[in-house]
Amino acid sequence: MGLYPEIEPYEHGMLDVGDGNSVYWETCGNPSGKPALVLHGGPGSGARPGHRRYFDPDAYRVVLLDQRGAGRSLPHASAHDTDMGVNTTAHLMADLERLRAHLGIERWLVWGVSWGSVLGLRYAQTHPGVVSELVLTGVATGSNAEVALLTRGLGKIFPEAFERFLAVLPPDEREGNPAAAYSRLLESPDPAVRERAARAWTDWETAAIPAPPRSVARYEDPRFRLGFARTVTHYWGNDHFLGRGNEKGVVLADAHLLKGIPGTLVQGSLDFGNLLGTVWRLHHAWPDSELVIVDEAGHDAGAVGDEALVAATDAYARREP
């Protein structure tokens, strides 16, 4: 059992979500099927056509969107005059609610990858009545400890790449939170400073967070690279906009709010996020969840992970609301 065949959207559009932002959305599959929402990673990666293939097109009405500043949504984060102050977790969740109302959907399954799992979890915790199930992979919770691991802790494992990563920062900015320091560089009025920071940030991600070739190739697109780096550092440098209590992990602390929502967590055993035990702790704090560990896989759980994700959506397609 692999991914479903490629399909094209039967409807798409741009939704005005306020603050001068318009969000791209599309629907594919069965217009009368079970609604499912896809949340991409990053933040700032944008939706990909391959995300449609995790769902039976006869059973699901699949909704994809590019979150604020990403993909086809406007304005794009790569534009220096784009206001990032109106791009926060709260804004993104409000956009999801606007889109749900726009499409006339009462409840939907939420599928998320990486950052999309953070957003999906927080959305379910704050809007439990509209989330029927969760299917998450490359799971993260957006805690400050996770950011510290990915931006500083992994420097002990990849010392040469980490040295290059820090070298871009001014000497007095090399302590503390590198994401926040990079965010300041990416807001510089000097385009050369912004470009150098974006390249260095994506070089570090390539070195420290192994990804499939299709993901790495995106970093060669200057528009994608700058928008992605600007958005990631904006979130990682500001506690993911989850509040001051995020030092201890707000999403994990509020796992009890997921009670009654079935979920499937698909995680590569070699994903560096597992170094903190985050996924295991989330699973044990959320009794309605199932944890599927994929051996010898990283942040991208590969073909075996894809099979587990499809098995989950297939099973939930048959579940009574």
Protein backbone atom coordinates (compact mmCIF):
# COMPACT_ATOMS: atom_id res chain seq x y z
CA MET A 1 0.00 0.00 0.00
CA GLY A 2 1.65 3.21 -1.17
CA LEU A 3 0.47 6.72 -1.80
CA TYR A 4 -2.66 7.33 -3.82
CA PRO A 5 -2.26 8.46 -7.46
CA GLU A 6 -1.63 12.11 -8.24
CA ILE A 7 -4.76 14.24 -8.51
CA GLU A 8 -5.53 17.84 -9.35
CA PRO A 9 -7.75 20.29 -7.44
CA TYR A 10 -11.35 20.65 -8.55
CA GLU A 11 -11.57 24.09 -6.91
CA HIS A 12 -9.12 26.72 -5.69
CA GLY A 13 -9.06 30.37 -4.73
CA MET A 14 -7.59 33.20 -2.68
CA LEU A 15 -9.23 33.99 0.65
CA ASP A 16 -8.95 37.49 2.11
CA VAL A 17 -8.04 36.89 5.76
CA GLY A 18 -7.46 40.52 6.70
CA ASP A 19 -4.29 42.43 7.60
CA GLY A 20 -3.62 42.80 3.87
CA ASN A 21 -3.17 39.04 3.49
CA SER A 22 -4.75 36.64 1.02
CA VAL A 23 -4.37 32.90 1.55
CA TYR A 24 -4.28 30.40 -1.31
CA TRP A 25 -6.47 27.32 -0.85
CA GLU A 26 -7.50 24.34 -2.95
CA THR A 27 -9.79 21.32 -2.64
CA CYS A 28 -9.41 17.95 -4.30
CA GLY A 29 -10.89 14.46 -4.12
CA ASN A 30 -14.60 13.89 -3.52
CA PRO A 31 -16.64 17.09 -2.96
CA SER A 32 -19.02 15.03 -0.81
CA GLY A 33 -16.26 13.18 1.05
CA LYS A 34 -15.00 13.45 4.61
CA PRO A 35 -13.28 16.86 5.00
CA ALA A 36 -9.54 16.81 5.71
CA LEU A 37 -7.22 19.78 6.19
CA VAL A 38 -3.50 19.60 5.30
CA LEU A 39 -1.06 21.77 7.26
CA HIS A 40 2.39 22.13 5.70
CA GLY A 41 5.66 22.48 7.53
CA GLY A 42 8.26 25.18 7.90
CA PRO A 43 6.79 27.49 8.99
CA GLY A 44 6.87 28.89 5.48
CA SER A 45 7.30 25.79 3.32
CA GLY A 46 3.98 25.95 1.48
CA ALA A 47 1.72 23.08 0.43
CA ARG A 48 2.97 20.49 -2.07
CA PRO A 49 1.02 18.43 -4.62
CA GLY A 50 2.34 15.27 -2.98
CA HIS A 51 0.35 16.07 0.17
CA ARG A 52 -2.85 15.25 -1.74
CA ARG A 53 -1.73 11.65 -2.13
CA TYR A 54 -2.12 10.66 1.54
CA PHE A 55 -5.90 10.51 1.14
CA ASP A 56 -8.29 8.22 -0.73
CA PRO A 57 -9.72 10.64 -3.32
CA ASP A 58 -13.04 8.77 -3.32
CA ALA A 59 -13.43 9.09 0.43
CA TYR A 60 -12.03 12.53 1.25
CA ARG A 61 -12.59 16.17 0.41
CA VAL A 62 -9.00 17.31 0.89
CA VAL A 63 -8.28 20.96 1.65
CA LEU A 64 -4.78 22.37 1.25
CA LEU A 65 -3.66 25.91 1.89
CA ASP A 66 -0.49 27.96 1.84
CA GLN A 67 -0.18 29.61 5.24
CA ARG A 68 0.40 33.36 5.46
CA GLY A 69 3.49 34.49 3.60
CA ALA A 70 4.13 31.06 2.05
CA GLY A 71 3.68 29.47 -1.37
CA ARG A 72 1.03 31.23 -3.43
CA SER A 73 -0.37 33.28 -0.54
CA LEU A 74 0.16 37.03 -0.67
CA PRO A 75 2.11 39.01 0.28
CA HIS A 76 5.03 36.58 0.28
CA ALA A 77 7.44 36.61 3.21
CA SER A 78 10.38 37.07 0.84
CA ALA A 79 9.26 40.65 0.17
CA HIS A 80 11.00 42.92 2.67
CA ASP A 81 7.93 45.14 3.11
CA THR A 82 5.73 42.18 4.11
CA ASP A 83 4.52 42.78 7.68
CA MET A 84 5.55 39.74 9.72
CA GLY A 85 3.86 41.20 12.78
CA VAL A 86 0.56 39.82 11.50
CA ASN A 87 2.00 36.35 10.92
CA THR A 88 1.65 34.47 14.22
CA THR A 89 0.18 31.19 15.41
CA ALA A 90 -3.00 32.99 16.46
CA HIS A 91 -3.32 34.58 13.03
CA LEU A 92 -2.86 31.23 11.30
CA MET A 93 -5.49 29.54 13.43
CA ALA A 94 -7.91 32.37 12.72
CA ASP A 95 -7.22 31.86 9.02
CA LEU A 96 -8.12 28.17 9.35
CA GLU A 97 -11.43 29.12 10.91
CA ARG A 98 -12.15 31.62 8.14
CA LEU A 99 -11.37 28.99 5.53
CA ARG A 100 -13.51 26.38 7.27
CA ALA A 101 -16.45 28.78 7.32
CA HIS A 102 -15.80 29.81 3.71
CA LEU A 103 -15.96 26.18 2.58
CA GLY A 104 -18.98 25.35 4.72
CA ILE A 105 -17.20 22.63 6.68
CA GLU A 106 -18.38 21.72 10.18
CA ARG A 107 -15.54 19.42 11.26
CA TRP A 108 -12.42 18.13 9.55
CA LEU A 109 -9.58 15.72 10.06
CA VAL A 110 -6.32 17.66 10.46
CA TRP A 111 -3.15 16.28 8.87
CA GLY A 112 0.13 18.02 9.67
CA VAL A 113 3.83 17.59 9.03
CA SER A 114 6.63 19.09 11.15
CA TRP A 115 5.56 22.69 11.96
CA GLY A 116 2.14 21.64 10.66
CA SER A 117 1.94 19.22 13.57
CA VAL A 118 2.57 22.08 16.03
CA LEU A 119 -0.13 24.18 14.40
CA GLY A 120 -2.50 21.21 14.16
CA LEU A 121 -2.06 20.29 17.82
CA ARG A 122 -2.60 23.85 19.04
CA TYR A 123 -5.58 24.28 16.73
CA ALA A 124 -7.14 21.10 18.11
CA GLN A 125 -6.46 22.20 21.69
CA THR A 126 -8.12 25.57 21.17
CA HIS A 127 -10.85 24.46 18.71
CA PRO A 128 -11.59 20.87 19.77
CA GLY A 129 -15.14 20.90 18.45
CA VAL A 130 -14.05 21.27 14.82
CA VAL A 131 -11.28 18.64 14.70
CA SER A 132 -12.48 15.08 14.15
CA GLU A 133 -9.05 13.40 14.11
CA LEU A 134 -5.35 14.26 13.87
CA VAL A 135 -2.72 12.59 11.69
CA LEU A 136 0.76 13.98 12.32
CA THR A 137 4.28 13.18 11.12
CA GLY A 138 7.72 14.62 11.78
CA VAL A 139 6.05 15.56 15.04
CA ALA A 140 7.06 18.67 16.96
CA THR A 141 5.39 20.69 19.69
CA GLY A 142 7.09 24.06 19.20
CA SER A 143 8.74 24.19 22.61
CA ASN A 144 11.74 26.39 23.28
CA ALA A 145 13.69 23.26 24.19
CA GLU A 146 13.14 21.90 20.68
CA VAL A 147 14.33 25.17 19.13
CA ALA A 148 17.42 25.16 21.37
CA LEU A 149 18.21 21.59 20.31
CA LEU A 150 17.87 22.29 16.59
CA THR A 151 19.73 25.59 16.59
CA ARG A 152 22.43 24.99 19.20
CA GLY A 153 22.37 21.48 20.67
CA LEU A 154 22.99 19.78 17.34
CA GLY A 155 26.15 21.85 16.98
CA LYS A 156 27.90 19.16 19.02
CA ILE A 157 26.97 16.59 16.39
CA PHE A 158 27.70 18.79 13.36
CA PRO A 159 30.52 21.05 14.63
CA GLU A 160 31.88 22.15 11.24
CA ALA A 161 28.45 23.14 9.89
CA PHE A 162 27.63 24.80 13.21
CA GLU A 163 30.77 26.91 13.06
CA ARG A 164 29.73 28.19 9.63
CA PHE A 165 26.21 28.78 10.95
CA LEU A 166 27.43 30.99 13.80
CA ALA A 167 30.03 32.78 11.69
CA VAL A 168 27.33 34.77 9.89
CA LEU A 169 26.15 36.31 13.16
CA PRO A 170 27.82 39.35 14.73
CA PRO A 171 30.14 38.21 17.56
CA ASP A 172 27.85 39.62 20.25
CA GLU A 173 24.90 37.66 18.80
CA ARG A 174 26.50 34.20 18.92
CA GLU A 175 25.17 33.34 22.36
CA GLY A 176 21.53 32.85 23.26
CA ASN A 177 18.94 32.03 20.61
CA PRO A 178 20.48 31.86 17.11
CA ALA A 179 17.01 31.89 15.54
CA ALA A 180 16.23 35.28 17.05
CA ALA A 181 19.61 36.62 15.91
CA TYR A 182 19.04 35.33 12.39
CA SER A 183 15.57 36.85 12.39
CA ARG A 184 17.10 40.25 13.02
CA LEU A 185 19.48 39.76 10.07
CA LEU A 186 16.58 38.74 7.86
CA GLU A 187 14.82 42.01 8.70
CA SER A 188 17.86 44.06 7.66
CA PRO A 189 17.26 46.84 5.12
CA ASP A 190 20.33 45.55 3.25
CA PRO A 191 19.31 42.85 0.72
CA ALA A 192 22.83 41.40 0.73
CA VAL A 193 22.62 40.83 4.49
CA ARG A 194 19.22 39.18 4.10
CA GLU A 195 20.39 36.92 1.30
CA ARG A 196 23.53 35.85 3.14
CA ALA A 197 21.50 35.03 6.26
CA ALA A 198 18.90 33.08 4.28
CA ARG A 199 21.58 31.00 2.58
CA ALA A 200 23.39 30.30 5.85
CA TRP A 201 20.16 29.34 7.59
CA THR A 202 19.11 26.87 4.90
CA ASP A 203 22.67 25.47 4.74
CA TRP A 204 22.42 24.72 8.46
CA GLU A 205 19.01 23.06 8.04
CA THR A 206 20.41 20.93 5.20
CA ALA A 207 23.31 19.82 7.38
CA ALA A 208 21.47 19.26 10.65
CA ILE A 209 18.03 18.10 9.55
CA PRO A 210 18.50 15.56 6.74
CA ALA A 211 15.70 15.87 4.18
CA PRO A 212 14.78 14.23 0.86
CA PRO A 213 16.25 15.79 -2.31
CA ARG A 214 12.94 17.45 -3.25
CA SER A 215 13.02 19.48 -0.03
CA VAL A 216 16.68 20.48 -0.29
CA ALA A 217 16.23 21.54 -3.94
CA ARG A 218 13.72 24.20 -2.89
CA TYR A 219 16.49 26.11 -1.14
CA GLU A 220 18.01 26.92 -4.54
CA ASP A 221 15.02 29.14 -5.32
CA PRO A 222 15.96 32.60 -3.91
CA ARG A 223 12.33 33.56 -3.30
CA PHE A 224 11.57 30.34 -1.43
CA ARG A 225 14.85 30.44 0.50
CA LEU A 226 14.37 33.97 1.77
CA GLY A 227 10.68 33.58 2.60
CA PHE A 228 11.26 30.26 4.35
CA ALA A 229 14.22 31.43 6.43
CA ARG A 230 12.46 34.65 7.37
CA THR A 231 9.32 32.83 8.48
CA VAL A 232 11.07 30.03 10.40
CA THR A 233 13.31 32.41 12.33
CA HIS A 234 10.36 34.72 13.00
CA TYR A 235 8.54 31.87 14.73
CA TRP A 236 11.50 30.12 16.34
CA GLY A 237 12.84 33.42 17.65
CA ASN A 238 9.51 34.33 19.26
CA ASP A 239 8.51 31.19 21.22
CA HIS A 240 6.38 30.10 18.23
CA PHE A 241 3.98 32.78 19.49
CA LEU A 242 2.69 30.26 22.04
CA GLY A 243 3.21 32.52 25.06
CA ARG A 244 5.83 32.99 27.74
CA GLY A 245 5.04 29.63 29.31
CA ASN A 246 6.52 27.92 26.26
CA GLU A 247 9.81 27.38 28.06
CA LYS A 248 8.17 24.24 29.48
CA GLY A 249 6.24 23.46 26.30
CA VAL A 250 2.69 24.81 26.13
CA VAL A 251 1.44 22.28 23.58
CA LEU A 252 2.75 19.32 25.55
CA ALA A 253 1.47 20.75 28.85
CA ASP A 254 -1.99 21.13 27.30
CA ALA A 255 -2.09 17.60 25.85
CA HIS A 256 -5.04 16.81 28.12
CA LEU A 257 -7.12 19.19 25.99
CA LEU A 258 -6.90 16.63 23.16
CA LYS A 259 -9.01 14.13 25.11
CA GLY A 260 -11.66 12.60 22.87
CA ILE A 261 -9.83 13.40 19.62
CA PRO A 262 -8.30 10.27 18.05
CA GLY A 263 -4.86 10.75 16.58
CA THR A 264 -2.00 8.97 14.86
CA LEU A 265 1.63 10.03 15.29
CA VAL A 266 4.07 8.71 12.68
CA GLN A 267 7.67 9.30 13.67
CA GLY A 268 11.09 8.30 12.33
CA SER A 269 13.23 6.73 15.05
CA LEU A 270 16.23 8.81 13.91
CA ASP A 271 14.42 12.15 13.90
CA PHE A 272 16.51 14.43 16.10
CA GLY A 273 13.31 15.63 17.75
CA ASN A 274 13.27 12.26 19.48
CA LEU A 275 16.38 13.23 21.43
CA LEU A 276 14.09 15.09 23.84
CA GLY A 277 11.49 12.31 24.00
CA THR A 278 8.84 14.82 22.93
CA VAL A 279 6.79 12.49 20.75
CA TRP A 280 6.80 9.71 23.34
CA ARG A 281 5.70 12.12 26.08
CA LEU A 282 2.97 13.56 23.87
CA HIS A 283 1.66 10.09 23.10
CA HIS A 284 1.55 9.12 26.77
CA ALA A 285 -0.17 12.37 27.74
CA TRP A 286 -2.79 11.86 25.02
CA PRO A 287 -4.55 8.51 25.61
CA ASP A 288 -6.52 8.74 22.36
CA SER A 289 -3.32 8.72 20.27
CA GLU A 290 -1.47 5.92 18.49
CA LEU A 291 2.30 6.16 18.06
CA VAL A 292 3.91 4.53 15.02
CA ILE A 293 7.72 4.49 15.12
CA VAL A 294 9.46 3.96 11.79
CA ASP A 295 12.87 2.37 12.30
CA GLU A 296 15.95 3.91 10.68
CA ALA A 297 14.02 6.93 9.38
CA GLY A 298 14.56 10.59 10.16
CA HIS A 299 12.35 13.68 10.13
CA ASP A 300 10.96 12.42 6.83
CA ALA A 301 9.73 8.92 7.69
CA GLY A 302 10.14 7.70 4.11
CA ALA A 303 8.14 5.04 2.28
CA VAL A 304 7.31 3.07 5.42
CA GLY A 305 6.09 6.25 7.07
CA ASP A 306 3.99 7.06 4.01
CA GLU A 307 2.31 3.67 4.29
CA ALA A 308 1.53 4.31 7.96
CA LEU A 309 0.06 7.73 7.16
CA VAL A 310 -2.14 6.31 4.40
CA ALA A 311 -3.25 3.49 6.70
CA ALA A 312 -4.27 6.10 9.26
CA THR A 313 -6.30 8.22 6.85
CA ASP A 314 -7.89 5.07 5.40
CA ALA A 315 -8.94 3.97 8.88
CA TYR A 316 -10.32 7.39 9.80
CA ALA A 317 -12.26 7.55 6.53
CA ARG A 318 -14.35 4.64 7.85
CA ARG A 319 -14.79 6.16 11.31
CA GLU A 320 -18.18 7.51 12.24
CA PRO A 321 -18.12 11.25 13.05
